[in-house]
Amino acid sequence: MSTIEDNKIIARQWFKLISEHRIEEICKMTDPNWKMHGGPPNLSSGPDGVRELFEIIGPIAQTWTVEDIIAEGDKVVVRLTNTCIQESFFGIPGRGRRQIFTAMFIHWIVNGKIVETWRNADDLGRVFQLGGRIEPVQ
């Protein structure tokens, strides 16, 4: 059984590996039944879902910076800042623009594996950084 400190290390490592685009190492940390909430819909479970997630994200250079990490029991909450350049986001071309946004993740970690992930990120802020606009329906 993992301790709270072990779980914090696992959660921190998850984002380090994402920044380094080390997908297969992330898959090794992922439970076969892993699920993500707040990300793209209909991802497969487990490592296949992780691979699909990176396929959907597409080419990206990103760095996740952990701002806070709080854990209790088998849940770890991580507040982060992401700095990235992505080819496109929600269909809006990236045009080489650097985006900076905040996000919070909750990981449920059991026996050293991430079983479930909840994501809440400032996706609207990213859209605006890329020049997207909201227009009222007429």
N, C-alpha and C. Protein backbone atom coordinates (compact mmCIF):
# COMPACT_ATOMS: atom_id res chain seq x y z
N MET A 1 0.84 -1.19 0.00
CA MET A 1 0.00 0.00 0.00
C MET A 1 0.88 1.24 0.00
N SER A 2 0.51 2.21 -0.82
CA SER A 2 1.27 3.45 -0.94
C SER A 2 0.94 4.39 0.22
N THR A 3 1.94 5.13 0.67
CA THR A 3 1.70 6.16 1.68
C THR A 3 1.27 7.45 0.97
N ILE A 4 0.82 8.42 1.75
CA ILE A 4 0.44 9.71 1.18
C ILE A 4 1.63 10.34 0.48
N GLU A 5 2.82 10.26 1.08
CA GLU A 5 4.01 10.84 0.45
C GLU A 5 4.37 10.10 -0.84
N ASP A 6 4.21 8.77 -0.86
CA ASP A 6 4.44 8.00 -2.09
C ASP A 6 3.49 8.48 -3.19
N ASN A 7 2.24 8.69 -2.83
CA ASN A 7 1.24 9.12 -3.81
C ASN A 7 1.55 10.52 -4.37
N LYS A 8 2.07 11.40 -3.52
CA LYS A 8 2.48 12.73 -4.00
C LYS A 8 3.62 12.60 -5.02
N ILE A 9 4.54 11.72 -4.73
CA ILE A 9 5.67 11.50 -5.65
C ILE A 9 5.16 10.96 -6.98
N ILE A 10 4.23 10.03 -6.93
CA ILE A 10 3.65 9.45 -8.15
C ILE A 10 2.95 10.53 -8.97
N ALA A 11 2.14 11.36 -8.32
CA ALA A 11 1.42 12.42 -9.03
C ALA A 11 2.40 13.42 -9.65
N ARG A 12 3.42 13.79 -8.91
CA ARG A 12 4.43 14.74 -9.43
C ARG A 12 5.15 14.13 -10.63
N GLN A 13 5.49 12.86 -10.53
CA GLN A 13 6.19 12.15 -11.61
C GLN A 13 5.35 12.09 -12.88
N TRP A 14 4.04 11.90 -12.72
CA TRP A 14 3.10 11.86 -13.85
C TRP A 14 3.27 13.10 -14.73
N PHE A 15 3.30 14.28 -14.09
CA PHE A 15 3.40 15.53 -14.85
C PHE A 15 4.80 15.75 -15.41
N LYS A 16 5.81 15.30 -14.71
CA LYS A 16 7.18 15.38 -15.24
C LYS A 16 7.27 14.56 -16.52
N LEU A 17 6.70 13.37 -16.51
CA LEU A 17 6.73 12.51 -17.69
C LEU A 17 5.90 13.08 -18.83
N ILE A 18 4.78 13.73 -18.50
CA ILE A 18 3.98 14.38 -19.55
C ILE A 18 4.81 15.49 -20.20
N SER A 19 5.48 16.30 -19.39
CA SER A 19 6.32 17.38 -19.92
C SER A 19 7.40 16.83 -20.84
N GLU A 20 7.89 15.65 -20.52
CA GLU A 20 8.96 15.02 -21.29
C GLU A 20 8.42 14.15 -22.42
N HIS A 21 7.11 14.08 -22.55
CA HIS A 21 6.43 13.30 -23.60
C HIS A 21 6.86 11.82 -23.57
N ARG A 22 6.95 11.25 -22.37
CA ARG A 22 7.36 9.86 -22.19
C ARG A 22 6.11 9.01 -21.94
N ILE A 23 5.37 8.80 -23.02
CA ILE A 23 4.05 8.17 -22.96
C ILE A 23 4.09 6.77 -22.37
N GLU A 24 5.00 5.95 -22.81
CA GLU A 24 5.02 4.57 -22.33
C GLU A 24 5.37 4.48 -20.84
N GLU A 25 6.16 5.41 -20.34
CA GLU A 25 6.44 5.42 -18.90
C GLU A 25 5.21 5.86 -18.12
N ILE A 26 4.43 6.78 -18.70
CA ILE A 26 3.16 7.17 -18.07
C ILE A 26 2.23 5.97 -18.03
N CYS A 27 2.20 5.21 -19.12
CA CYS A 27 1.34 4.02 -19.18
C CYS A 27 1.69 3.02 -18.09
N LYS A 28 2.96 2.91 -17.75
CA LYS A 28 3.39 1.98 -16.70
C LYS A 28 2.87 2.40 -15.33
N MET A 29 2.59 3.69 -15.16
CA MET A 29 2.08 4.21 -13.89
C MET A 29 0.55 4.15 -13.81
N THR A 30 -0.06 3.74 -14.92
CA THR A 30 -1.51 3.82 -15.08
C THR A 30 -2.15 2.46 -14.87
N ASP A 31 -3.16 2.42 -14.05
CA ASP A 31 -3.92 1.19 -13.80
C ASP A 31 -4.62 0.73 -15.09
N PRO A 32 -4.77 -0.58 -15.29
CA PRO A 32 -5.45 -1.07 -16.49
C PRO A 32 -6.89 -0.55 -16.65
N ASN A 33 -7.49 -0.12 -15.54
CA ASN A 33 -8.87 0.40 -15.60
C ASN A 33 -8.95 1.92 -15.49
N TRP A 34 -7.81 2.61 -15.67
CA TRP A 34 -7.75 4.07 -15.54
C TRP A 34 -8.84 4.75 -16.36
N LYS A 35 -9.41 5.81 -15.76
CA LYS A 35 -10.40 6.65 -16.44
C LYS A 35 -10.02 8.10 -16.21
N MET A 36 -10.36 8.95 -17.19
CA MET A 36 -10.14 10.38 -17.05
C MET A 36 -11.46 11.11 -17.18
N HIS A 37 -11.70 12.02 -16.25
CA HIS A 37 -12.89 12.87 -16.28
C HIS A 37 -12.43 14.29 -16.58
N GLY A 38 -13.15 14.99 -17.45
CA GLY A 38 -12.81 16.37 -17.77
C GLY A 38 -11.82 16.50 -18.92
N GLY A 39 -11.54 15.39 -19.57
CA GLY A 39 -10.68 15.40 -20.76
C GLY A 39 -11.52 15.08 -21.98
N PRO A 40 -10.89 14.65 -23.04
CA PRO A 40 -11.65 14.29 -24.23
C PRO A 40 -12.65 13.16 -23.92
N PRO A 41 -13.83 13.23 -24.53
CA PRO A 41 -14.83 12.19 -24.26
C PRO A 41 -14.45 10.85 -24.90
N ASN A 42 -14.96 9.80 -24.29
CA ASN A 42 -14.87 8.44 -24.84
C ASN A 42 -13.46 7.89 -24.96
N LEU A 43 -12.55 8.31 -24.07
CA LEU A 43 -11.22 7.70 -24.06
C LEU A 43 -11.35 6.25 -23.60
N SER A 44 -10.52 5.40 -24.14
CA SER A 44 -10.46 4.02 -23.66
C SER A 44 -9.95 4.02 -22.23
N SER A 45 -10.13 2.90 -21.57
CA SER A 45 -9.60 2.74 -20.21
C SER A 45 -8.13 2.38 -20.27
N GLY A 46 -7.46 2.61 -19.16
CA GLY A 46 -6.09 2.17 -18.98
C GLY A 46 -5.08 2.85 -19.89
N PRO A 47 -3.94 2.18 -20.08
CA PRO A 47 -2.87 2.75 -20.90
C PRO A 47 -3.31 3.10 -22.32
N ASP A 48 -4.25 2.35 -22.89
CA ASP A 48 -4.73 2.69 -24.23
C ASP A 48 -5.37 4.08 -24.23
N GLY A 49 -6.05 4.43 -23.16
CA GLY A 49 -6.64 5.76 -23.04
C GLY A 49 -5.58 6.84 -22.96
N VAL A 50 -4.48 6.55 -22.27
CA VAL A 50 -3.36 7.51 -22.19
C VAL A 50 -2.80 7.74 -23.59
N ARG A 51 -2.60 6.66 -24.33
CA ARG A 51 -2.06 6.80 -25.69
C ARG A 51 -3.02 7.59 -26.57
N GLU A 52 -4.33 7.32 -26.46
CA GLU A 52 -5.34 8.07 -27.23
C GLU A 52 -5.30 9.55 -26.87
N LEU A 53 -5.15 9.85 -25.58
CA LEU A 53 -5.10 11.23 -25.12
C LEU A 53 -3.97 11.99 -25.83
N PHE A 54 -2.79 11.39 -25.88
CA PHE A 54 -1.66 12.05 -26.53
C PHE A 54 -1.87 12.16 -28.03
N GLU A 55 -2.54 11.18 -28.62
CA GLU A 55 -2.86 11.24 -30.05
C GLU A 55 -3.80 12.42 -30.34
N ILE A 56 -4.80 12.60 -29.47
CA ILE A 56 -5.75 13.69 -29.63
C ILE A 56 -5.06 15.04 -29.45
N ILE A 57 -4.20 15.14 -28.45
CA ILE A 57 -3.48 16.39 -28.17
C ILE A 57 -2.61 16.77 -29.36
N GLY A 58 -2.00 15.79 -29.99
CA GLY A 58 -1.16 16.06 -31.15
C GLY A 58 0.17 16.68 -30.75
N PRO A 59 0.88 17.19 -31.75
CA PRO A 59 2.20 17.77 -31.47
C PRO A 59 2.11 18.92 -30.47
N ILE A 60 2.93 18.83 -29.43
CA ILE A 60 2.92 19.86 -28.39
C ILE A 60 4.27 19.86 -27.68
N ALA A 61 4.74 21.05 -27.38
CA ALA A 61 5.89 21.23 -26.50
C ALA A 61 5.31 21.87 -25.25
N GLN A 62 5.44 21.19 -24.12
CA GLN A 62 4.80 21.70 -22.91
C GLN A 62 5.63 21.42 -21.67
N THR A 63 5.43 22.28 -20.70
CA THR A 63 6.05 22.09 -19.39
C THR A 63 4.98 22.31 -18.34
N TRP A 64 4.79 21.32 -17.49
CA TRP A 64 3.89 21.43 -16.36
C TRP A 64 4.71 21.82 -15.14
N THR A 65 4.29 22.87 -14.44
CA THR A 65 4.95 23.31 -13.21
C THR A 65 3.97 23.11 -12.06
N VAL A 66 4.36 22.29 -11.10
CA VAL A 66 3.52 22.03 -9.94
C VAL A 66 3.58 23.24 -9.02
N GLU A 67 2.42 23.80 -8.72
CA GLU A 67 2.31 24.95 -7.81
C GLU A 67 1.97 24.50 -6.40
N ASP A 68 1.05 23.54 -6.29
CA ASP A 68 0.64 22.97 -5.00
C ASP A 68 0.32 21.51 -5.20
N ILE A 69 0.57 20.74 -4.15
CA ILE A 69 0.19 19.33 -4.16
C ILE A 69 -0.31 18.98 -2.76
N ILE A 70 -1.53 18.48 -2.71
CA ILE A 70 -2.19 18.19 -1.44
C ILE A 70 -2.73 16.76 -1.52
N ALA A 71 -2.52 15.99 -0.49
CA ALA A 71 -2.98 14.61 -0.52
C ALA A 71 -3.65 14.23 0.78
N GLU A 72 -4.63 13.36 0.65
CA GLU A 72 -5.29 12.76 1.80
C GLU A 72 -5.75 11.37 1.38
N GLY A 73 -5.38 10.40 2.18
CA GLY A 73 -5.75 9.03 1.83
C GLY A 73 -5.15 8.64 0.49
N ASP A 74 -6.00 8.16 -0.42
CA ASP A 74 -5.52 7.71 -1.72
C ASP A 74 -5.78 8.71 -2.85
N LYS A 75 -6.09 9.97 -2.48
CA LYS A 75 -6.34 11.01 -3.47
C LYS A 75 -5.26 12.09 -3.37
N VAL A 76 -4.82 12.57 -4.54
CA VAL A 76 -3.82 13.63 -4.60
C VAL A 76 -4.36 14.73 -5.50
N VAL A 77 -4.37 15.96 -4.99
CA VAL A 77 -4.80 17.14 -5.75
C VAL A 77 -3.55 17.91 -6.14
N VAL A 78 -3.45 18.22 -7.43
CA VAL A 78 -2.29 18.94 -7.94
C VAL A 78 -2.78 20.19 -8.68
N ARG A 79 -2.26 21.34 -8.26
CA ARG A 79 -2.54 22.61 -8.95
C ARG A 79 -1.29 22.97 -9.72
N LEU A 80 -1.45 23.21 -11.04
CA LEU A 80 -0.30 23.39 -11.91
C LEU A 80 -0.48 24.57 -12.85
N THR A 81 0.65 24.97 -13.44
CA THR A 81 0.65 25.91 -14.55
C THR A 81 1.30 25.19 -15.72
N ASN A 82 0.68 25.32 -16.89
CA ASN A 82 1.21 24.71 -18.10
C ASN A 82 1.64 25.82 -19.04
N THR A 83 2.83 25.68 -19.58
CA THR A 83 3.33 26.56 -20.62
C THR A 83 3.54 25.68 -21.84
N CYS A 84 2.89 26.03 -22.96
CA CYS A 84 2.96 25.15 -24.11
C CYS A 84 2.88 25.89 -25.43
N ILE A 85 3.32 25.21 -26.45
CA ILE A 85 3.09 25.60 -27.83
C ILE A 85 2.50 24.35 -28.49
N GLN A 86 1.29 24.49 -28.98
CA GLN A 86 0.57 23.35 -29.55
C GLN A 86 0.13 23.71 -30.96
N GLU A 87 0.18 22.73 -31.84
CA GLU A 87 -0.18 22.94 -33.25
C GLU A 87 -1.59 23.54 -33.39
N SER A 88 -2.54 22.99 -32.62
CA SER A 88 -3.89 23.56 -32.60
C SER A 88 -4.58 23.13 -31.31
N PHE A 89 -5.59 23.88 -30.93
CA PHE A 89 -6.35 23.58 -29.72
C PHE A 89 -7.81 23.83 -30.03
N PHE A 90 -8.64 22.81 -29.87
CA PHE A 90 -10.07 22.90 -30.22
C PHE A 90 -10.25 23.43 -31.64
N GLY A 91 -9.35 23.02 -32.53
CA GLY A 91 -9.46 23.43 -33.93
C GLY A 91 -8.92 24.81 -34.24
N ILE A 92 -8.44 25.53 -33.24
CA ILE A 92 -7.88 26.87 -33.47
C ILE A 92 -6.38 26.71 -33.69
N PRO A 93 -5.86 27.16 -34.82
CA PRO A 93 -4.42 27.01 -35.09
C PRO A 93 -3.58 27.71 -34.02
N GLY A 94 -2.51 27.04 -33.63
CA GLY A 94 -1.63 27.60 -32.61
C GLY A 94 -0.74 28.71 -33.12
N ARG A 95 -0.40 28.67 -34.40
CA ARG A 95 0.46 29.69 -35.03
C ARG A 95 1.75 29.96 -34.24
N GLY A 96 2.25 28.95 -33.56
CA GLY A 96 3.48 29.11 -32.80
C GLY A 96 3.35 29.94 -31.54
N ARG A 97 2.11 30.27 -31.16
CA ARG A 97 1.91 31.10 -29.96
C ARG A 97 2.09 30.27 -28.69
N ARG A 98 2.79 30.86 -27.74
CA ARG A 98 2.95 30.23 -26.44
C ARG A 98 1.68 30.49 -25.62
N GLN A 99 1.19 29.45 -24.99
CA GLN A 99 0.01 29.57 -24.13
C GLN A 99 0.42 29.23 -22.70
N ILE A 100 -0.16 29.94 -21.77
CA ILE A 100 0.06 29.66 -20.35
C ILE A 100 -1.31 29.55 -19.71
N PHE A 101 -1.54 28.44 -19.01
CA PHE A 101 -2.83 28.26 -18.37
C PHE A 101 -2.68 27.45 -17.09
N THR A 102 -3.66 27.58 -16.24
CA THR A 102 -3.67 26.83 -14.98
C THR A 102 -4.60 25.63 -15.09
N ALA A 103 -4.36 24.66 -14.24
CA ALA A 103 -5.18 23.45 -14.21
C ALA A 103 -5.10 22.82 -12.83
N MET A 104 -6.12 22.05 -12.53
CA MET A 104 -6.11 21.23 -11.31
C MET A 104 -6.48 19.81 -11.69
N PHE A 105 -5.78 18.88 -11.11
CA PHE A 105 -6.02 17.47 -11.33
C PHE A 105 -6.19 16.80 -9.97
N ILE A 106 -7.05 15.82 -9.93
CA ILE A 106 -7.16 14.93 -8.77
C ILE A 106 -6.86 13.53 -9.28
N HIS A 107 -5.90 12.89 -8.66
CA HIS A 107 -5.58 11.50 -9.01
C HIS A 107 -6.00 10.60 -7.86
N TRP A 108 -6.64 9.50 -8.21
CA TRP A 108 -6.93 8.44 -7.25
C TRP A 108 -5.85 7.39 -7.48
N ILE A 109 -5.04 7.15 -6.47
CA ILE A 109 -3.89 6.26 -6.61
C ILE A 109 -4.05 5.08 -5.66
N VAL A 110 -3.97 3.89 -6.24
CA VAL A 110 -4.10 2.65 -5.47
C VAL A 110 -2.91 1.75 -5.81
N ASN A 111 -2.23 1.28 -4.79
CA ASN A 111 -1.08 0.38 -4.97
C ASN A 111 -0.08 0.91 -5.99
N GLY A 112 0.19 2.22 -5.93
CA GLY A 112 1.20 2.81 -6.78
C GLY A 112 0.78 3.09 -8.21
N LYS A 113 -0.49 2.88 -8.54
CA LYS A 113 -0.99 3.12 -9.90
C LYS A 113 -2.09 4.16 -9.87
N ILE A 114 -2.12 5.01 -10.91
CA ILE A 114 -3.19 6.00 -11.03
C ILE A 114 -4.40 5.31 -11.63
N VAL A 115 -5.48 5.28 -10.86
CA VAL A 115 -6.70 4.55 -11.23
C VAL A 115 -7.70 5.47 -11.93
N GLU A 116 -7.76 6.71 -11.46
CA GLU A 116 -8.73 7.64 -12.00
C GLU A 116 -8.15 9.05 -11.90
N THR A 117 -8.49 9.90 -12.90
CA THR A 117 -8.01 11.27 -12.94
C THR A 117 -9.17 12.20 -13.25
N TRP A 118 -9.29 13.25 -12.45
CA TRP A 118 -10.27 14.31 -12.71
C TRP A 118 -9.47 15.55 -13.11
N ARG A 119 -9.88 16.20 -14.20
CA ARG A 119 -9.15 17.36 -14.75
C ARG A 119 -10.07 18.56 -14.83
N ASN A 120 -9.55 19.72 -14.43
CA ASN A 120 -10.25 20.98 -14.60
C ASN A 120 -9.20 22.01 -15.00
N ALA A 121 -9.28 22.51 -16.24
CA ALA A 121 -8.25 23.42 -16.75
C ALA A 121 -8.90 24.64 -17.39
N ASP A 122 -8.13 25.69 -17.51
CA ASP A 122 -8.60 26.94 -18.11
C ASP A 122 -8.53 26.85 -19.64
N ASP A 123 -9.35 25.97 -20.20
CA ASP A 123 -9.36 25.78 -21.65
C ASP A 123 -9.88 27.03 -22.37
N LEU A 124 -10.85 27.73 -21.78
CA LEU A 124 -11.36 28.95 -22.40
C LEU A 124 -10.27 30.01 -22.48
N GLY A 125 -9.48 30.12 -21.44
CA GLY A 125 -8.36 31.06 -21.47
C GLY A 125 -7.38 30.74 -22.59
N ARG A 126 -7.17 29.46 -22.84
CA ARG A 126 -6.28 29.05 -23.94
C ARG A 126 -6.86 29.47 -25.28
N VAL A 127 -8.17 29.27 -25.45
CA VAL A 127 -8.83 29.66 -26.69
C VAL A 127 -8.63 31.15 -26.94
N PHE A 128 -8.81 31.96 -25.90
CA PHE A 128 -8.62 33.41 -26.05
C PHE A 128 -7.16 33.74 -26.38
N GLN A 129 -6.22 33.05 -25.76
CA GLN A 129 -4.81 33.30 -26.05
C GLN A 129 -4.47 33.04 -27.52
N LEU A 130 -5.21 32.13 -28.14
CA LEU A 130 -4.99 31.81 -29.55
C LEU A 130 -5.79 32.71 -30.49
N GLY A 131 -6.53 33.65 -29.92
CA GLY A 131 -7.29 34.58 -30.75
C GLY A 131 -8.73 34.19 -30.97
N GLY A 132 -9.19 33.15 -30.29
CA GLY A 132 -10.59 32.75 -30.41
C GLY A 132 -11.50 33.81 -29.79
N ARG A 133 -12.74 33.83 -30.27
CA ARG A 133 -13.70 34.80 -29.76
C ARG A 133 -15.02 34.11 -29.47
N ILE A 134 -15.77 34.71 -28.59
CA ILE A 134 -17.11 34.26 -28.32
C ILE A 134 -18.05 35.28 -28.93
N GLU A 135 -18.96 34.80 -29.71
CA GLU A 135 -19.94 35.70 -30.32
C GLU A 135 -21.34 35.23 -29.93
N PRO A 136 -22.21 36.18 -29.56
CA PRO A 136 -23.56 35.78 -29.18
C PRO A 136 -24.32 35.21 -30.37
N VAL A 137 -25.18 34.28 -30.06
CA VAL A 137 -26.05 33.71 -31.10
C VAL A 137 -27.09 34.75 -31.47
N GLN A 138 -27.27 34.97 -32.73
CA GLN A 138 -28.24 35.97 -33.21
C GLN A 138 -29.61 35.34 -33.40
